[in-house]
């Protein structure tokens, strides 16, 4: 995972697989990024190849911790389980990092 700043906003890039063994690493990275209270935290998951339920739990917990902050850029492998679980009603999904950063105010849902 790589974290970079875009002004006051933060982008966390995640690659590979997010499963039971790697979800705690994602959770730690999200907690660390959220400690700075960025206005927007974009989780770039466009290069994630597998996304399990443990990863969904981590994203929901991060979203609950700081509402209207978290924005997710999902790969197909991430988007599909989020949509099947109807979590796209709770998480702000964007097609690109640029779109997530450019969206103003409260992020759109879905």
N, C-alpha and C. Protein backbone atom coordinates (compact mmCIF):
# COMPACT_ATOMS: atom_id res chain seq x y z
N UNK A 1 0.83 -1.17 0.00
CA UNK A 1 0.00 0.00 0.00
C UNK A 1 0.88 1.24 0.00
N UNK A 2 0.43 2.20 -0.77
CA UNK A 2 1.15 3.47 -0.85
C UNK A 2 0.19 4.59 -0.51
N UNK A 3 0.68 5.54 0.26
CA UNK A 3 -0.12 6.70 0.62
C UNK A 3 0.55 7.95 0.08
N UNK A 4 -0.25 8.82 -0.52
CA UNK A 4 0.28 10.09 -1.00
C UNK A 4 -0.74 11.19 -0.74
N UNK A 5 -0.23 12.41 -0.66
CA UNK A 5 -1.09 13.56 -0.39
C UNK A 5 -1.41 14.30 -1.67
N UNK A 6 -2.60 14.84 -1.71
CA UNK A 6 -3.06 15.74 -2.77
C UNK A 6 -3.63 16.95 -2.05
N UNK A 7 -2.78 17.92 -1.77
CA UNK A 7 -3.20 19.03 -0.93
C UNK A 7 -3.49 18.49 0.46
N UNK A 8 -4.67 18.81 0.98
CA UNK A 8 -5.07 18.30 2.30
C UNK A 8 -5.66 16.89 2.22
N UNK A 9 -5.93 16.43 1.00
CA UNK A 9 -6.54 15.12 0.80
C UNK A 9 -5.47 14.03 0.73
N UNK A 10 -5.90 12.79 0.96
CA UNK A 10 -4.99 11.64 0.96
C UNK A 10 -5.51 10.59 -0.01
N UNK A 11 -4.58 9.98 -0.74
CA UNK A 11 -4.90 8.84 -1.60
C UNK A 11 -4.12 7.64 -1.09
N UNK A 12 -4.83 6.56 -0.81
CA UNK A 12 -4.22 5.30 -0.38
C UNK A 12 -4.39 4.30 -1.52
N UNK A 13 -3.28 3.89 -2.13
CA UNK A 13 -3.33 2.94 -3.24
C UNK A 13 -3.14 1.52 -2.71
N UNK A 14 -4.07 0.65 -3.06
CA UNK A 14 -4.07 -0.74 -2.61
C UNK A 14 -3.97 -1.63 -3.85
N UNK A 15 -3.10 -2.66 -3.76
CA UNK A 15 -2.93 -3.57 -4.90
C UNK A 15 -3.01 -5.02 -4.43
N UNK A 16 -3.23 -5.92 -5.38
CA UNK A 16 -3.20 -7.36 -5.08
C UNK A 16 -4.51 -7.86 -4.55
N UNK A 17 -4.45 -8.58 -3.42
CA UNK A 17 -5.62 -9.20 -2.83
C UNK A 17 -5.92 -8.59 -1.47
N UNK A 18 -7.21 -8.44 -1.18
CA UNK A 18 -7.64 -8.01 0.15
C UNK A 18 -8.51 -9.15 0.68
N UNK A 19 -7.93 -9.92 1.60
CA UNK A 19 -8.62 -11.07 2.17
C UNK A 19 -8.40 -11.07 3.68
N UNK A 20 -8.70 -12.18 4.33
CA UNK A 20 -8.58 -12.24 5.79
C UNK A 20 -7.16 -11.96 6.27
N UNK A 21 -6.18 -12.35 5.50
CA UNK A 21 -4.80 -12.16 5.96
C UNK A 21 -4.29 -10.74 5.69
N UNK A 22 -4.79 -10.08 4.67
CA UNK A 22 -4.30 -8.73 4.35
C UNK A 22 -5.22 -7.61 4.83
N UNK A 23 -6.45 -7.93 5.20
CA UNK A 23 -7.38 -6.91 5.67
C UNK A 23 -6.86 -6.14 6.89
N UNK A 24 -6.18 -6.79 7.85
CA UNK A 24 -5.64 -6.02 8.98
C UNK A 24 -4.61 -4.97 8.54
N UNK A 25 -3.86 -5.25 7.49
CA UNK A 25 -2.90 -4.28 6.97
C UNK A 25 -3.64 -3.09 6.37
N UNK A 26 -4.70 -3.37 5.62
CA UNK A 26 -5.54 -2.30 5.07
C UNK A 26 -6.15 -1.48 6.20
N UNK A 27 -6.65 -2.15 7.22
CA UNK A 27 -7.26 -1.46 8.35
C UNK A 27 -6.26 -0.52 9.02
N UNK A 28 -5.06 -0.99 9.25
CA UNK A 28 -4.02 -0.15 9.87
C UNK A 28 -3.70 1.06 9.01
N UNK A 29 -3.59 0.86 7.70
CA UNK A 29 -3.28 1.95 6.78
C UNK A 29 -4.41 2.99 6.77
N UNK A 30 -5.65 2.52 6.79
CA UNK A 30 -6.78 3.44 6.82
C UNK A 30 -6.84 4.21 8.13
N UNK A 31 -6.62 3.51 9.24
CA UNK A 31 -6.62 4.18 10.54
C UNK A 31 -5.55 5.26 10.60
N UNK A 32 -4.36 4.93 10.10
CA UNK A 32 -3.27 5.90 10.09
C UNK A 32 -3.62 7.12 9.24
N UNK A 33 -4.17 6.89 8.06
CA UNK A 33 -4.54 7.99 7.17
C UNK A 33 -5.65 8.84 7.78
N UNK A 34 -6.61 8.22 8.45
CA UNK A 34 -7.73 8.96 9.02
C UNK A 34 -7.34 9.76 10.26
N UNK A 35 -6.25 9.38 10.92
CA UNK A 35 -5.79 10.12 12.10
C UNK A 35 -5.51 11.59 11.78
N UNK A 36 -5.12 11.87 10.55
CA UNK A 36 -4.82 13.24 10.13
C UNK A 36 -6.09 14.03 9.80
N UNK A 37 -7.25 13.37 9.84
CA UNK A 37 -8.55 13.99 9.54
C UNK A 37 -8.55 14.71 8.18
N UNK A 38 -8.17 13.99 7.11
CA UNK A 38 -8.21 14.64 5.80
C UNK A 38 -9.66 14.91 5.40
N UNK A 39 -9.89 15.97 4.61
CA UNK A 39 -11.26 16.22 4.13
C UNK A 39 -11.76 15.07 3.26
N UNK A 40 -10.83 14.48 2.48
CA UNK A 40 -11.17 13.36 1.60
C UNK A 40 -10.06 12.33 1.69
N UNK A 41 -10.45 11.07 1.85
CA UNK A 41 -9.51 9.94 1.78
C UNK A 41 -9.99 9.05 0.64
N UNK A 42 -9.20 9.01 -0.43
CA UNK A 42 -9.52 8.17 -1.58
C UNK A 42 -8.77 6.85 -1.43
N UNK A 43 -9.51 5.75 -1.45
CA UNK A 43 -8.91 4.43 -1.42
C UNK A 43 -8.93 3.91 -2.85
N UNK A 44 -7.75 3.97 -3.48
CA UNK A 44 -7.62 3.54 -4.87
C UNK A 44 -7.42 2.04 -4.91
N UNK A 45 -8.48 1.32 -5.23
CA UNK A 45 -8.45 -0.14 -5.29
C UNK A 45 -8.54 -0.62 -6.73
N UNK A 46 -8.16 0.23 -7.67
CA UNK A 46 -8.27 -0.10 -9.09
C UNK A 46 -7.35 -1.24 -9.51
N UNK A 47 -6.36 -1.57 -8.67
CA UNK A 47 -5.44 -2.67 -9.00
C UNK A 47 -5.62 -3.86 -8.06
N UNK A 48 -6.75 -3.92 -7.37
CA UNK A 48 -7.04 -5.05 -6.49
C UNK A 48 -7.68 -6.16 -7.33
N UNK A 49 -7.13 -7.37 -7.20
CA UNK A 49 -7.57 -8.50 -8.01
C UNK A 49 -8.56 -9.41 -7.29
N UNK A 50 -8.55 -9.37 -5.96
CA UNK A 50 -9.49 -10.16 -5.16
C UNK A 50 -9.89 -9.32 -3.96
N UNK A 51 -11.19 -9.34 -3.63
CA UNK A 51 -11.71 -8.53 -2.53
C UNK A 51 -12.71 -9.36 -1.75
N UNK A 52 -12.33 -9.77 -0.54
CA UNK A 52 -13.19 -10.60 0.28
C UNK A 52 -14.01 -9.81 1.28
N UNK A 53 -14.83 -10.52 2.02
CA UNK A 53 -15.72 -9.89 2.99
C UNK A 53 -14.97 -9.17 4.10
N UNK A 54 -13.79 -9.64 4.44
CA UNK A 54 -12.98 -8.96 5.46
C UNK A 54 -12.63 -7.55 4.99
N UNK A 55 -12.36 -7.39 3.71
CA UNK A 55 -12.06 -6.08 3.15
C UNK A 55 -13.27 -5.16 3.19
N UNK A 56 -14.45 -5.74 2.91
CA UNK A 56 -15.68 -4.93 2.97
C UNK A 56 -15.90 -4.41 4.38
N UNK A 57 -15.65 -5.25 5.37
CA UNK A 57 -15.82 -4.84 6.76
C UNK A 57 -14.88 -3.69 7.12
N UNK A 58 -13.67 -3.76 6.62
CA UNK A 58 -12.69 -2.70 6.89
C UNK A 58 -13.15 -1.38 6.27
N UNK A 59 -13.62 -1.41 5.03
CA UNK A 59 -14.09 -0.18 4.37
C UNK A 59 -15.30 0.42 5.10
N UNK A 60 -16.23 -0.42 5.52
CA UNK A 60 -17.41 0.07 6.23
C UNK A 60 -17.00 0.70 7.56
N UNK A 61 -16.10 0.06 8.28
CA UNK A 61 -15.64 0.62 9.56
C UNK A 61 -14.96 1.97 9.36
N UNK A 62 -14.15 2.08 8.31
CA UNK A 62 -13.47 3.36 8.03
C UNK A 62 -14.48 4.43 7.64
N UNK A 63 -15.47 4.06 6.87
CA UNK A 63 -16.51 5.00 6.46
C UNK A 63 -17.32 5.46 7.67
N UNK A 64 -17.63 4.54 8.56
CA UNK A 64 -18.37 4.88 9.78
C UNK A 64 -17.56 5.78 10.70
N UNK A 65 -16.24 5.58 10.72
CA UNK A 65 -15.37 6.35 11.62
C UNK A 65 -15.36 7.83 11.25
N UNK A 66 -15.38 8.14 9.96
CA UNK A 66 -15.39 9.53 9.51
C UNK A 66 -16.32 9.64 8.30
N UNK A 67 -17.61 9.78 8.55
CA UNK A 67 -18.57 9.86 7.44
C UNK A 67 -18.22 10.99 6.46
N UNK A 68 -18.53 10.75 5.20
CA UNK A 68 -18.33 11.71 4.11
C UNK A 68 -16.86 11.97 3.79
N UNK A 69 -15.96 11.17 4.31
CA UNK A 69 -14.54 11.34 4.04
C UNK A 69 -14.05 10.31 3.05
N UNK A 70 -14.49 9.07 3.19
CA UNK A 70 -13.96 7.95 2.41
C UNK A 70 -14.59 7.90 1.02
N UNK A 71 -13.73 7.76 0.01
CA UNK A 71 -14.17 7.58 -1.38
C UNK A 71 -13.37 6.41 -1.95
N UNK A 72 -14.04 5.52 -2.62
CA UNK A 72 -13.41 4.28 -3.11
C UNK A 72 -13.41 4.27 -4.63
N UNK A 73 -12.24 3.92 -5.19
CA UNK A 73 -12.09 3.72 -6.64
C UNK A 73 -11.89 2.21 -6.82
N UNK A 74 -12.96 1.49 -7.13
CA UNK A 74 -12.88 0.04 -7.18
C UNK A 74 -12.49 -0.53 -8.54
N UNK A 75 -11.78 -1.64 -8.51
CA UNK A 75 -11.62 -2.45 -9.72
C UNK A 75 -12.93 -3.23 -9.87
N UNK A 76 -13.06 -3.96 -10.96
CA UNK A 76 -14.26 -4.80 -11.13
C UNK A 76 -14.35 -5.82 -10.00
N UNK A 77 -13.19 -6.37 -9.59
CA UNK A 77 -13.15 -7.38 -8.52
C UNK A 77 -13.59 -6.81 -7.18
N UNK A 78 -13.47 -5.51 -7.01
CA UNK A 78 -13.92 -4.85 -5.78
C UNK A 78 -15.36 -4.39 -5.92
N UNK A 79 -15.69 -3.79 -7.05
CA UNK A 79 -17.04 -3.26 -7.25
C UNK A 79 -18.09 -4.35 -7.15
N UNK A 80 -17.86 -5.49 -7.75
CA UNK A 80 -18.87 -6.55 -7.80
C UNK A 80 -19.35 -6.98 -6.42
N UNK A 81 -18.47 -7.38 -5.49
CA UNK A 81 -18.98 -7.79 -4.18
C UNK A 81 -19.61 -6.62 -3.39
N UNK A 82 -19.12 -5.41 -3.59
CA UNK A 82 -19.71 -4.25 -2.93
C UNK A 82 -21.15 -4.07 -3.41
N UNK A 83 -21.37 -4.19 -4.71
CA UNK A 83 -22.72 -4.04 -5.26
C UNK A 83 -23.64 -5.19 -4.85
N UNK A 84 -23.12 -6.41 -4.87
CA UNK A 84 -23.93 -7.58 -4.50
C UNK A 84 -24.39 -7.46 -3.05
N UNK A 85 -23.53 -6.93 -2.19
CA UNK A 85 -23.88 -6.76 -0.77
C UNK A 85 -24.64 -5.46 -0.51
N UNK A 86 -24.93 -4.71 -1.58
CA UNK A 86 -25.63 -3.42 -1.50
C UNK A 86 -24.86 -2.39 -0.69
N UNK A 87 -23.57 -2.57 -0.57
CA UNK A 87 -22.74 -1.60 0.15
C UNK A 87 -22.46 -0.37 -0.68
N UNK A 88 -22.80 -0.42 -1.96
CA UNK A 88 -22.67 0.78 -2.79
C UNK A 88 -23.68 1.85 -2.35
N UNK A 89 -24.63 1.46 -1.50
CA UNK A 89 -25.56 2.43 -0.92
C UNK A 89 -24.92 3.16 0.27
N UNK A 90 -23.83 2.60 0.80
CA UNK A 90 -23.15 3.18 1.96
C UNK A 90 -21.80 3.79 1.61
N UNK A 91 -21.14 3.24 0.60
CA UNK A 91 -19.81 3.70 0.22
C UNK A 91 -19.88 4.57 -1.03
N UNK A 92 -19.07 5.60 -1.08
CA UNK A 92 -19.00 6.47 -2.26
C UNK A 92 -18.01 5.86 -3.25
N UNK A 93 -18.51 5.40 -4.39
CA UNK A 93 -17.69 4.76 -5.42
C UNK A 93 -17.47 5.73 -6.58
N UNK A 94 -16.24 5.75 -7.09
CA UNK A 94 -15.88 6.61 -8.21
C UNK A 94 -15.09 5.78 -9.22
N UNK A 95 -15.15 6.21 -10.48
CA UNK A 95 -14.45 5.48 -11.54
C UNK A 95 -12.95 5.76 -11.55
N UNK A 96 -12.53 6.95 -11.11
CA UNK A 96 -11.11 7.31 -11.12
C UNK A 96 -10.75 8.08 -9.86
N UNK A 97 -9.47 8.09 -9.55
CA UNK A 97 -8.97 8.89 -8.43
C UNK A 97 -9.26 10.36 -8.67
N UNK A 98 -9.06 10.80 -9.90
CA UNK A 98 -9.30 12.20 -10.24
C UNK A 98 -10.74 12.59 -9.98
N UNK A 99 -11.68 11.73 -10.36
CA UNK A 99 -13.11 12.02 -10.12
C UNK A 99 -13.42 12.07 -8.63
N UNK A 100 -12.81 11.17 -7.87
CA UNK A 100 -13.03 11.15 -6.42
C UNK A 100 -12.50 12.41 -5.76
N UNK A 101 -11.34 12.87 -6.21
CA UNK A 101 -10.76 14.09 -5.66
C UNK A 101 -11.52 15.34 -6.09
N UNK A 102 -12.06 15.32 -7.30
CA UNK A 102 -12.73 16.49 -7.85
C UNK A 102 -14.14 16.68 -7.31
N UNK A 103 -14.77 15.60 -6.84
CA UNK A 103 -16.14 15.70 -6.35
C UNK A 103 -16.17 16.58 -5.11
N UNK A 104 -17.03 17.55 -5.13
CA UNK A 104 -17.10 18.47 -3.99
C UNK A 104 -18.14 18.06 -2.99
N UNK A 105 -18.02 18.59 -1.79
CA UNK A 105 -19.02 18.38 -0.76
C UNK A 105 -19.19 16.93 -0.38
N UNK A 106 -20.40 16.56 -0.06
CA UNK A 106 -20.71 15.19 0.30
C UNK A 106 -20.63 14.32 -0.94
N UNK A 107 -19.84 13.24 -0.88
CA UNK A 107 -19.68 12.41 -2.08
C UNK A 107 -20.98 11.72 -2.47
N UNK A 108 -21.18 11.52 -3.78
CA UNK A 108 -22.36 10.79 -4.24
C UNK A 108 -22.27 9.33 -3.81
N UNK A 109 -23.39 8.71 -3.65
CA UNK A 109 -23.42 7.30 -3.28
C UNK A 109 -23.71 6.49 -4.54
N UNK A 110 -22.92 5.39 -4.68
CA UNK A 110 -23.16 4.48 -5.80
C UNK A 110 -22.43 4.83 -6.98
